[in-house]
Amino acid sequence: MLALCPLATPTVSAQQAQSTASTGHRVAVIDVGYVFKNLPAIQAQINKVKAELERHETEIKQKREELNQAALRLKSLKIGTPEYARQEEHVADLDSKLRLDMRRRHSDLGEAEAKIYYDNYQRIRAAVKAVAVHNHINLVLRFNSEAVDPHQGDSAAREIMRNVVYQDNAINLTDTVMRYLERSDDGAQVANGSRAAAGTSR
């Protein structure tokens, strides 16, 4: 059974060190994808980006409708008149702004999502290291615990390409790392709450 290390750096006794040396190298596995999909703190960040994307899509829909109405009005005007020229310029301006806004928003949201995955992957790596050191594990490999659908070509291909063909569930670090990260998140929330309380009491 894997031990959940404290958030502080764990100490290793002489007896533990001797025991580890005598047993040779130890290996474990972790399902990183499972952590990303199920850790509440990560999902909260991803859901925030998704909500922002939905708001953006609503805004884009409204702007498209405004552009369509302006284009319909343009068709009702007589070509060559000053009013037609003004409306034509207005339609072109709306179209240009819409395209620019779409590119900028999608770029910003893409960068925000990439940063979430990158930052949290670094957190997961740090947690894996802490748990592995505490349990005297020398090597941790990634694996995918998702069930395989033999009728889906992509799913079957992923199964064939898996690096880990078999593992004893006793060496699976996934749940232990999840608990470690959840404790870390809870500790951060308590610390942030304490700082906020201290700020309001000044």
C-alpha atoms as a PDB file:
ATOM      1  CA  MET A   1       0.000   0.000   0.000  1.00  0.00           C
ATOM      2  CA  LEU A   2       1.446   3.369  -1.024  1.00  0.00           C
ATOM      3  CA  ALA A   3       1.834   5.913   1.743  1.00  0.00           C
ATOM      4  CA  LEU A   4       0.571   9.444   1.263  1.00  0.00           C
ATOM      5  CA  CYS A   5       3.483  11.699   2.057  1.00  0.00           C
ATOM      6  CA  PRO A   6       3.021  14.861   4.109  1.00  0.00           C
ATOM      7  CA  LEU A   7       3.207  18.157   2.257  1.00  0.00           C
ATOM      8  CA  ALA A   8       6.524  18.845   3.943  1.00  0.00           C
ATOM      9  CA  THR A   9       9.586  16.995   2.628  1.00  0.00           C
ATOM     10  CA  PRO A  10       9.522  13.529   4.257  1.00  0.00           C
ATOM     11  CA  THR A  11      12.528  12.253   6.142  1.00  0.00           C
ATOM     12  CA  VAL A  12      14.001   8.805   5.558  1.00  0.00           C
ATOM     13  CA  SER A  13      15.265   6.818   8.519  1.00  0.00           C
ATOM     14  CA  ALA A  14      18.457   4.740   8.363  1.00  0.00           C
ATOM     15  CA  GLN A  15      16.357   1.590   8.636  1.00  0.00           C
ATOM     16  CA  GLN A  16      14.158   2.675   5.693  1.00  0.00           C
ATOM     17  CA  ALA A  17      17.194   3.545   3.601  1.00  0.00           C
ATOM     18  CA  GLN A  18      18.771   0.166   4.309  1.00  0.00           C
ATOM     19  CA  SER A  19      15.502  -1.599   3.463  1.00  0.00           C
ATOM     20  CA  THR A  20      15.216   0.334   0.187  1.00  0.00           C
ATOM     21  CA  ALA A  21      18.787  -0.439  -0.794  1.00  0.00           C
ATOM     22  CA  SER A  22      18.215  -4.136  -0.229  1.00  0.00           C
ATOM     23  CA  THR A  23      15.066  -4.318  -2.332  1.00  0.00           C
ATOM     24  CA  GLY A  24      16.607  -2.696  -5.431  1.00  0.00           C
ATOM     25  CA  HIS A  25      14.742  -0.381  -7.802  1.00  0.00           C
ATOM     26  CA  ARG A  26      11.020   0.255  -7.363  1.00  0.00           C
ATOM     27  CA  VAL A  27       8.657   1.235 -10.165  1.00  0.00           C
ATOM     28  CA  ALA A  28       5.138   2.724 -10.111  1.00  0.00           C
ATOM     29  CA  VAL A  29       2.592   4.007 -12.623  1.00  0.00           C
ATOM     30  CA  ILE A  30       0.179   6.949 -12.788  1.00  0.00           C
ATOM     31  CA  ASP A  31      -2.767   7.823 -15.014  1.00  0.00           C
ATOM     32  CA  VAL A  32      -2.101  11.531 -15.624  1.00  0.00           C
ATOM     33  CA  GLY A  33      -5.192  11.850 -17.833  1.00  0.00           C
ATOM     34  CA  TYR A  34      -7.375  10.648 -14.965  1.00  0.00           C
ATOM     35  CA  VAL A  35      -5.891  13.285 -12.662  1.00  0.00           C
ATOM     36  CA  PHE A  36      -6.616  16.045 -15.179  1.00  0.00           C
ATOM     37  CA  LYS A  37     -10.194  14.873 -15.656  1.00  0.00           C
ATOM     38  CA  ASN A  38     -11.034  14.346 -11.980  1.00  0.00           C
ATOM     39  CA  LEU A  39      -9.051  16.790  -9.833  1.00  0.00           C
ATOM     40  CA  PRO A  40     -11.602  19.476  -8.798  1.00  0.00           C
ATOM     41  CA  ALA A  41      -9.100  22.355  -8.878  1.00  0.00           C
ATOM     42  CA  ILE A  42      -8.112  21.597 -12.479  1.00  0.00           C
ATOM     43  CA  GLN A  43     -11.695  21.095 -13.602  1.00  0.00           C
ATOM     44  CA  ALA A  44     -12.675  24.433 -12.013  1.00  0.00           C
ATOM     45  CA  GLN A  45     -10.005  26.195 -14.078  1.00  0.00           C
ATOM     46  CA  ILE A  46     -11.023  24.396 -17.283  1.00  0.00           C
ATOM     47  CA  ASN A  47     -14.718  25.111 -16.669  1.00  0.00           C
ATOM     48  CA  LYS A  48     -13.890  28.791 -16.207  1.00  0.00           C
ATOM     49  CA  VAL A  49     -12.268  28.859 -19.661  1.00  0.00           C
ATOM     50  CA  LYS A  50     -15.229  26.937 -21.132  1.00  0.00           C
ATOM     51  CA  ALA A  51     -17.656  29.454 -19.625  1.00  0.00           C
ATOM     52  CA  GLU A  52     -15.619  32.299 -21.118  1.00  0.00           C
ATOM     53  CA  LEU A  53     -15.707  30.526 -24.492  1.00  0.00           C
ATOM     54  CA  GLU A  54     -19.487  30.184 -24.279  1.00  0.00           C
ATOM     55  CA  ARG A  55     -19.821  33.904 -23.476  1.00  0.00           C
ATOM     56  CA  HIS A  56     -17.595  34.662 -26.442  1.00  0.00           C
ATOM     57  CA  GLU A  57     -19.716  32.493 -28.746  1.00  0.00           C
ATOM     58  CA  THR A  58     -22.838  34.353 -27.587  1.00  0.00           C
ATOM     59  CA  GLU A  59     -21.182  37.708 -28.301  1.00  0.00           C
ATOM     60  CA  ILE A  60     -20.046  36.496 -31.717  1.00  0.00           C
ATOM     61  CA  LYS A  61     -23.574  35.345 -32.528  1.00  0.00           C
ATOM     62  CA  GLN A  62     -24.943  38.781 -31.622  1.00  0.00           C
ATOM     63  CA  LYS A  63     -22.301  40.547 -33.727  1.00  0.00           C
ATOM     64  CA  ARG A  64     -22.995  38.238 -36.674  1.00  0.00           C
ATOM     65  CA  GLU A  65     -26.680  39.106 -36.424  1.00  0.00           C
ATOM     66  CA  GLU A  66     -25.788  42.810 -36.363  1.00  0.00           C
ATOM     67  CA  LEU A  67     -23.630  42.305 -39.461  1.00  0.00           C
ATOM     68  CA  ASN A  68     -26.411  40.407 -41.261  1.00  0.00           C
ATOM     69  CA  GLN A  69     -28.914  43.178 -40.497  1.00  0.00           C
ATOM     70  CA  ALA A  70     -26.478  45.798 -41.774  1.00  0.00           C
ATOM     71  CA  ALA A  71     -25.917  43.767 -44.961  1.00  0.00           C
ATOM     72  CA  LEU A  72     -29.680  43.464 -45.521  1.00  0.00           C
ATOM     73  CA  ARG A  73     -30.058  47.216 -45.120  1.00  0.00           C
ATOM     74  CA  LEU A  74     -27.261  47.731 -47.654  1.00  0.00           C
ATOM     75  CA  LYS A  75     -29.166  45.648 -50.214  1.00  0.00           C
ATOM     76  CA  SER A  76     -32.203  47.863 -49.779  1.00  0.00           C
ATOM     77  CA  LEU A  77     -30.258  51.007 -50.678  1.00  0.00           C
ATOM     78  CA  LYS A  78     -29.587  52.372 -54.136  1.00  0.00           C
ATOM     79  CA  ILE A  79     -26.061  51.764 -55.403  1.00  0.00           C
ATOM     80  CA  GLY A  80     -24.064  54.935 -55.931  1.00  0.00           C
ATOM     81  CA  THR A  81     -25.886  57.059 -53.362  1.00  0.00           C
ATOM     82  CA  PRO A  82     -24.030  58.622 -50.388  1.00  0.00           C
ATOM     83  CA  GLU A  83     -26.198  56.607 -47.996  1.00  0.00           C
ATOM     84  CA  TYR A  84     -25.208  53.400 -49.791  1.00  0.00           C
ATOM     85  CA  ALA A  85     -21.516  54.311 -49.531  1.00  0.00           C
ATOM     86  CA  ARG A  86     -21.850  55.013 -45.799  1.00  0.00           C
ATOM     87  CA  GLN A  87     -23.686  51.751 -45.181  1.00  0.00           C
ATOM     88  CA  GLU A  88     -21.195  49.812 -47.294  1.00  0.00           C
ATOM     89  CA  GLU A  89     -18.359  51.218 -45.190  1.00  0.00           C
ATOM     90  CA  HIS A  90     -20.278  50.348 -42.017  1.00  0.00           C
ATOM     91  CA  VAL A  91     -20.762  46.726 -43.160  1.00  0.00           C
ATOM     92  CA  ALA A  92     -17.078  46.410 -44.042  1.00  0.00           C
ATOM     93  CA  ASP A  93     -16.099  47.858 -40.640  1.00  0.00           C
ATOM     94  CA  LEU A  94     -18.402  45.428 -38.771  1.00  0.00           C
ATOM     95  CA  ASP A  95     -17.050  42.473 -40.753  1.00  0.00           C
ATOM     96  CA  SER A  96     -13.415  43.470 -40.114  1.00  0.00           C
ATOM     97  CA  LYS A  97     -13.969  43.967 -36.379  1.00  0.00           C
ATOM     98  CA  LEU A  98     -15.819  40.646 -36.090  1.00  0.00           C
ATOM     99  CA  ARG A  99     -13.005  38.702 -37.770  1.00  0.00           C
ATOM    100  CA  LEU A 100     -10.351  40.426 -35.652  1.00  0.00           C
ATOM    101  CA  ASP A 101     -12.272  39.822 -32.427  1.00  0.00           C
ATOM    102  CA  MET A 102     -12.758  36.134 -33.272  1.00  0.00           C
ATOM    103  CA  ARG A 103      -9.030  35.659 -33.931  1.00  0.00           C
ATOM    104  CA  ARG A 104      -7.992  37.477 -30.754  1.00  0.00           C
ATOM    105  CA  ARG A 105     -10.494  35.750 -28.477  1.00  0.00           C
ATOM    106  CA  HIS A 106      -9.716  32.260 -29.763  1.00  0.00           C
ATOM    107  CA  SER A 107      -5.997  32.961 -29.418  1.00  0.00           C
ATOM    108  CA  ASP A 108      -6.412  34.272 -25.853  1.00  0.00           C
ATOM    109  CA  LEU A 109      -8.609  31.351 -24.791  1.00  0.00           C
ATOM    110  CA  GLY A 110      -6.260  28.851 -26.431  1.00  0.00           C
ATOM    111  CA  GLU A 111      -3.311  30.323 -24.547  1.00  0.00           C
ATOM    112  CA  ALA A 112      -5.270  30.306 -21.276  1.00  0.00           C
ATOM    113  CA  GLU A 113      -6.182  26.630 -21.718  1.00  0.00           C
ATOM    114  CA  ALA A 114      -2.599  25.714 -22.646  1.00  0.00           C
ATOM    115  CA  LYS A 115      -1.326  27.505 -19.525  1.00  0.00           C
ATOM    116  CA  ILE A 116      -3.776  25.575 -17.337  1.00  0.00           C
ATOM    117  CA  TYR A 117      -2.525  22.256 -18.698  1.00  0.00           C
ATOM    118  CA  TYR A 118       1.136  23.255 -18.501  1.00  0.00           C
ATOM    119  CA  ASP A 119       0.972  24.678 -14.966  1.00  0.00           C
ATOM    120  CA  ASN A 120      -1.027  21.765 -13.620  1.00  0.00           C
ATOM    121  CA  TYR A 121       1.216  19.211 -15.289  1.00  0.00           C
ATOM    122  CA  GLN A 122       4.143  20.787 -13.420  1.00  0.00           C
ATOM    123  CA  ARG A 123       2.125  20.475 -10.184  1.00  0.00           C
ATOM    124  CA  ILE A 124       1.376  16.819 -10.939  1.00  0.00           C
ATOM    125  CA  ARG A 125       5.055  16.132 -11.632  1.00  0.00           C
ATOM    126  CA  ALA A 126       6.035  17.753  -8.347  1.00  0.00           C
ATOM    127  CA  ALA A 127       3.398  15.706  -6.487  1.00  0.00           C
ATOM    128  CA  VAL A 128       4.548  12.494  -8.171  1.00  0.00           C
ATOM    129  CA  LYS A 129       8.119  13.253  -7.139  1.00  0.00           C
ATOM    130  CA  ALA A 130       7.113  13.923  -3.529  1.00  0.00           C
ATOM    131  CA  VAL A 131       5.043  10.737  -3.278  1.00  0.00           C
ATOM    132  CA  ALA A 132       7.694   8.666  -5.073  1.00  0.00           C
ATOM    133  CA  VAL A 133      10.506   9.911  -2.820  1.00  0.00           C
ATOM    134  CA  HIS A 134       8.393   9.239   0.263  1.00  0.00           C
ATOM    135  CA  ASN A 135       7.711   5.688  -0.929  1.00  0.00           C
ATOM    136  CA  HIS A 136      11.292   5.086  -2.149  1.00  0.00           C
ATOM    137  CA  ILE A 137      10.169   4.701  -5.782  1.00  0.00           C
ATOM    138  CA  ASN A 138      12.857   5.161  -8.435  1.00  0.00           C
ATOM    139  CA  LEU A 139      10.755   5.324 -11.607  1.00  0.00           C
ATOM    140  CA  VAL A 140       7.162   6.383 -12.364  1.00  0.00           C
ATOM    141  CA  LEU A 141       5.616   5.588 -15.773  1.00  0.00           C
ATOM    142  CA  ARG A 142       2.473   6.985 -17.350  1.00  0.00           C
ATOM    143  CA  PHE A 143      -0.368   4.645 -18.261  1.00  0.00           C
ATOM    144  CA  ASN A 144      -3.975   4.954 -19.385  1.00  0.00           C
ATOM    145  CA  SER A 145      -6.636   3.245 -17.294  1.00  0.00           C
ATOM    146  CA  GLU A 146      -9.530   3.963 -19.688  1.00  0.00           C
ATOM    147  CA  ALA A 147     -11.406   0.924 -20.940  1.00  0.00           C
ATOM    148  CA  VAL A 148     -10.686  -0.041 -24.538  1.00  0.00           C
ATOM    149  CA  ASP A 149     -13.465  -0.360 -27.113  1.00  0.00           C
ATOM    150  CA  PRO A 150     -12.361  -3.142 -29.499  1.00  0.00           C
ATOM    151  CA  HIS A 151     -14.865  -1.902 -32.099  1.00  0.00           C
ATOM    152  CA  GLN A 152     -13.279   1.558 -32.298  1.00  0.00           C
ATOM    153  CA  GLY A 153     -10.139   1.690 -34.434  1.00  0.00           C
ATOM    154  CA  ASP A 154      -8.559   4.623 -32.558  1.00  0.00           C
ATOM    155  CA  SER A 155      -9.221   3.011 -29.194  1.00  0.00           C
ATOM    156  CA  ALA A 156      -7.720  -0.305 -30.277  1.00  0.00           C
ATOM    157  CA  ALA A 157      -4.681   1.441 -31.768  1.00  0.00           C
ATOM    158  CA  ARG A 158      -4.076   3.338 -28.513  1.00  0.00           C
ATOM    159  CA  GLU A 159      -4.251   0.040 -26.615  1.00  0.00           C
ATOM    160  CA  ILE A 160      -1.607  -1.506 -28.850  1.00  0.00           C
ATOM    161  CA  MET A 161       0.679   1.534 -28.490  1.00  0.00           C
ATOM    162  CA  ARG A 162       0.516   1.658 -24.678  1.00  0.00           C
ATOM    163  CA  ASN A 163       3.930   1.646 -23.051  1.00  0.00           C
ATOM    164  CA  VAL A 164       2.713  -0.200 -19.951  1.00  0.00           C
ATOM    165  CA  VAL A 165       1.364  -3.612 -20.930  1.00  0.00           C
ATOM    166  CA  TYR A 166       0.678  -4.816 -17.379  1.00  0.00           C
ATOM    167  CA  GLN A 167       0.950  -3.457 -13.866  1.00  0.00           C
ATOM    168  CA  ASP A 168      -0.039  -4.602 -10.421  1.00  0.00           C
ATOM    169  CA  ASN A 169      -2.590  -2.139  -9.068  1.00  0.00           C
ATOM    170  CA  ALA A 170      -0.551  -1.921  -5.864  1.00  0.00           C
ATOM    171  CA  ILE A 171       2.009   0.194  -7.750  1.00  0.00           C
ATOM    172  CA  ASN A 172      -0.610   2.620  -9.118  1.00  0.00           C
ATOM    173  CA  LEU A 173       0.155   6.102  -7.713  1.00  0.00           C
ATOM    174  CA  THR A 174      -2.889   7.822  -9.239  1.00  0.00           C
ATOM    175  CA  ASP A 175      -5.174   7.913  -6.181  1.00  0.00           C
ATOM    176  CA  THR A 176      -2.285   8.753  -3.846  1.00  0.00           C
ATOM    177  CA  VAL A 177      -1.191  11.683  -6.017  1.00  0.00           C
ATOM    178  CA  MET A 178      -4.807  12.834  -6.309  1.00  0.00           C
ATOM    179  CA  ARG A 179      -5.125  12.938  -2.505  1.00  0.00           C
ATOM    180  CA  TYR A 180      -1.789  14.738  -2.240  1.00  0.00           C
ATOM    181  CA  LEU A 181      -2.910  17.425  -4.704  1.00  0.00           C
ATOM    182  CA  GLU A 182      -6.318  17.774  -3.040  1.00  0.00           C
ATOM    183  CA  ARG A 183      -4.626  18.299   0.332  1.00  0.00           C
ATOM    184  CA  SER A 184      -2.323  20.847  -1.284  1.00  0.00           C
ATOM    185  CA  ASP A 185      -5.314  22.679  -2.819  1.00  0.00           C
ATOM    186  CA  ASP A 186      -7.168  22.647   0.510  1.00  0.00           C
ATOM    187  CA  GLY A 187      -4.101  24.048   2.254  1.00  0.00           C
ATOM    188  CA  ALA A 188      -3.793  26.817  -0.349  1.00  0.00           C
ATOM    189  CA  GLN A 189      -7.457  27.756   0.110  1.00  0.00           C
ATOM    190  CA  VAL A 190      -7.042  27.946   3.887  1.00  0.00           C
ATOM    191  CA  ALA A 191      -3.937  30.112   3.467  1.00  0.00           C
ATOM    192  CA  ASN A 192      -5.712  32.423   1.007  1.00  0.00           C
ATOM    193  CA  GLY A 193      -8.694  32.687   3.356  1.00  0.00           C
ATOM    194  CA  SER A 194      -6.425  33.573   6.270  1.00  0.00           C
ATOM    195  CA  ARG A 195      -4.690  36.273   4.226  1.00  0.00           C
ATOM    196  CA  ALA A 196      -8.035  37.672   3.111  1.00  0.00           C
ATOM    197  CA  ALA A 197      -9.300  37.747   6.717  1.00  0.00           C
ATOM    198  CA  ALA A 198      -6.100  39.453   7.834  1.00  0.00           C
ATOM    199  CA  GLY A 199      -6.532  42.057   5.104  1.00  0.00           C
ATOM    200  CA  THR A 200     -10.089  42.901   6.133  1.00  0.00           C
ATOM    201  CA  SER A 201      -9.127  43.214   9.798  1.00  0.00           C
ATOM    202  CA  ARG A 202      -6.597  45.975   9.150  1.00  0.00           C
END
